[in-house]
Each structure stands twice: as structure tokens, then as C-alpha cells.
Protein backbone atom coordinates (compact mmCIF):
# COMPACT_ATOMS: atom_id res chain seq x y z
CA MET A 1 0.00 0.00 0.00
CA LYS A 2 1.16 3.51 -0.77
CA GLU A 3 -0.02 6.53 1.23
CA THR A 4 -1.28 9.58 -0.64
CA LYS A 5 -1.33 12.88 1.22
CA ILE A 6 -2.82 16.18 0.10
CA ASN A 7 -1.53 18.91 2.40
CA ASP A 8 -3.80 21.89 1.76
CA ALA A 9 -7.39 21.13 0.77
CA ILE A 10 -10.99 22.16 1.27
CA ILE A 11 -12.88 19.07 2.40
CA GLY A 12 -16.64 18.57 2.46
CA LEU A 13 -17.88 15.62 4.49
CA LYS A 14 -21.42 14.28 4.58
CA GLN A 15 -21.59 14.53 8.39
CA LEU A 16 -20.48 18.20 8.52
CA ASN A 17 -22.54 21.21 7.47
CA GLU A 18 -19.54 23.36 6.57
CA PRO A 19 -16.39 22.41 4.62
CA ILE A 20 -13.13 22.23 6.57
CA VAL A 21 -9.60 23.15 5.54
CA GLY A 22 -6.76 20.79 6.26
CA SER A 23 -4.81 17.82 4.99
CA ILE A 24 -6.20 14.49 3.86
CA SER A 25 -4.38 11.19 3.61
CA PHE A 26 -5.32 7.67 2.55
CA ASN A 27 -3.74 4.46 1.33
CA LYS A 28 -3.89 3.32 -2.25
CA PRO A 29 -5.41 1.36 -3.84
CA VAL A 30 -8.67 3.08 -2.92
CA ASN A 31 -11.88 1.11 -2.49
CA GLN A 32 -15.20 1.63 -0.69
CA ASN A 33 -13.66 0.51 2.62
CA THR A 34 -10.70 2.92 2.49
CA VAL A 35 -10.37 5.03 5.62
CA ILE A 36 -9.28 8.63 5.16
CA THR A 37 -7.53 10.74 7.77
CA ILE A 38 -8.23 14.47 7.83
CA LYS A 39 -6.10 16.77 9.96
CA THR A 40 -6.93 20.40 10.68
CA SER A 41 -5.28 22.82 13.07
CA ASN A 42 -7.50 21.63 15.92
CA MET A 43 -8.78 18.12 15.11
CA THR A 44 -8.17 14.78 13.43
CA ILE A 45 -11.03 12.91 11.75
CA GLN A 46 -10.95 9.35 10.45
CA ALA A 47 -13.85 8.31 8.24
CA PRO A 48 -14.65 5.97 5.36
CA ILE A 49 -13.98 7.49 1.97
CA ALA A 50 -17.72 7.27 1.24
CA GLN A 51 -18.20 10.18 3.70
CA ILE A 52 -16.44 12.58 1.31
CA LYS A 53 -18.78 14.91 -0.57
CA LEU A 54 -15.96 16.83 -2.26
CA VAL A 55 -12.25 17.60 -1.83
CA VAL A 56 -10.78 20.59 -3.69
CA PHE A 57 -7.02 21.17 -3.80
CA LYS A 58 -4.35 22.83 -5.89
CA LEU A 59 -2.55 19.98 -7.63
CA ASP A 60 0.24 22.13 -9.06
CA ALA A 61 0.83 25.72 -10.15
CA GLU A 62 -1.73 25.47 -12.98
CA THR A 63 -4.13 22.65 -12.11
CA PHE A 64 -6.86 22.15 -9.52
CA GLY A 65 -7.67 18.63 -8.40
CA PHE A 66 -10.90 17.22 -7.01
CA ILE A 67 -12.04 14.06 -5.31
CA PHE A 68 -15.71 13.48 -6.03
CA GLN A 69 -17.62 10.17 -5.82
CA ASN A 70 -14.33 8.31 -5.16
CA LYS A 71 -12.82 9.66 -8.41
CA PHE A 72 -9.94 12.05 -9.04
CA LEU A 73 -10.80 14.87 -11.42
CA TYR A 74 -8.61 17.72 -12.71
CA ASP A 75 -9.22 21.17 -14.19
CA LYS A 76 -6.60 23.36 -15.88
CA LYS A 77 -9.04 25.40 -17.93
CA ASP A 78 -10.73 27.30 -15.07
CA PHE A 79 -7.65 27.65 -12.83
CA GLU A 80 -8.02 31.40 -12.17
CA SER A 81 -11.68 31.04 -11.24
CA TRP A 82 -10.99 28.10 -8.88
CA ASP A 83 -8.05 29.98 -7.36
CA LYS A 84 -10.21 33.02 -6.62
CA ASN A 85 -13.15 31.03 -5.23
CA THR A 86 -11.09 28.70 -3.05
CA LYS A 87 -9.19 31.67 -1.64
CA CYS A 88 -12.51 33.20 -0.53
CA LEU A 89 -13.71 29.92 0.97
CA SER A 90 -10.49 28.95 2.78
CA SER A 91 -9.29 32.49 3.69
CA HIS A 92 -5.92 31.77 2.07
CA GLU A 93 -4.50 30.76 -1.29
CA LEU A 94 -4.26 26.97 -1.44
CA GLN A 95 -0.69 25.74 -1.82
CA PRO A 96 0.29 23.36 -4.65
CA ASN A 97 0.71 19.75 -3.56
CA PHE A 98 3.04 18.49 -6.29
């Protein structure tokens, strides 16, 4: 198993009303039983990957990445728009992960 860690992300979980900002890590390969670990400045949450509504993160200097319905998605086309909107939501500019 290989651990994947995304250090600066906006994370929406089914059990929370508001998204949280922090890091998320999980082991690959991913399946429906995969447990994710989310760390914020004041808490650590472990939950099944099925609890994720959406994860938004800056993959690199020109690409945003998303985890949605257990799939990884990427967007280079709307980078400036995602950068602006995530900065408003997280109160800081997300840092690239790779």
C-alpha cells in the first residue's frame, strides 16, 4: 500500500454542514472501505472514503484537483476562477501539492 497525502485542501464531508480546511491522507489502492484521515489545526477525523462529498485542492501551479464520488478529477481550464473562489472559501490561497 502507498499513502497519498494532500496537504492543503478544502474538504466537504457528509456529516459536517460546513467544509473544513486541512490535509487528507489515505492508502492506495482506494476502495469503498478505504479510511481517510483528515487533519486540521484543531482536530483529526478518520472516516470511510464514502463520507467525502468533495475535496478541492491545488494539484500544481496550474491545475486544480478534485475528489468526487471516489474519483480524481482535474481542471486546468478554469484555474483562475478556482483559485479566486477557493481563496474566498479557505481564507488563504491553497498551496500546490506536487
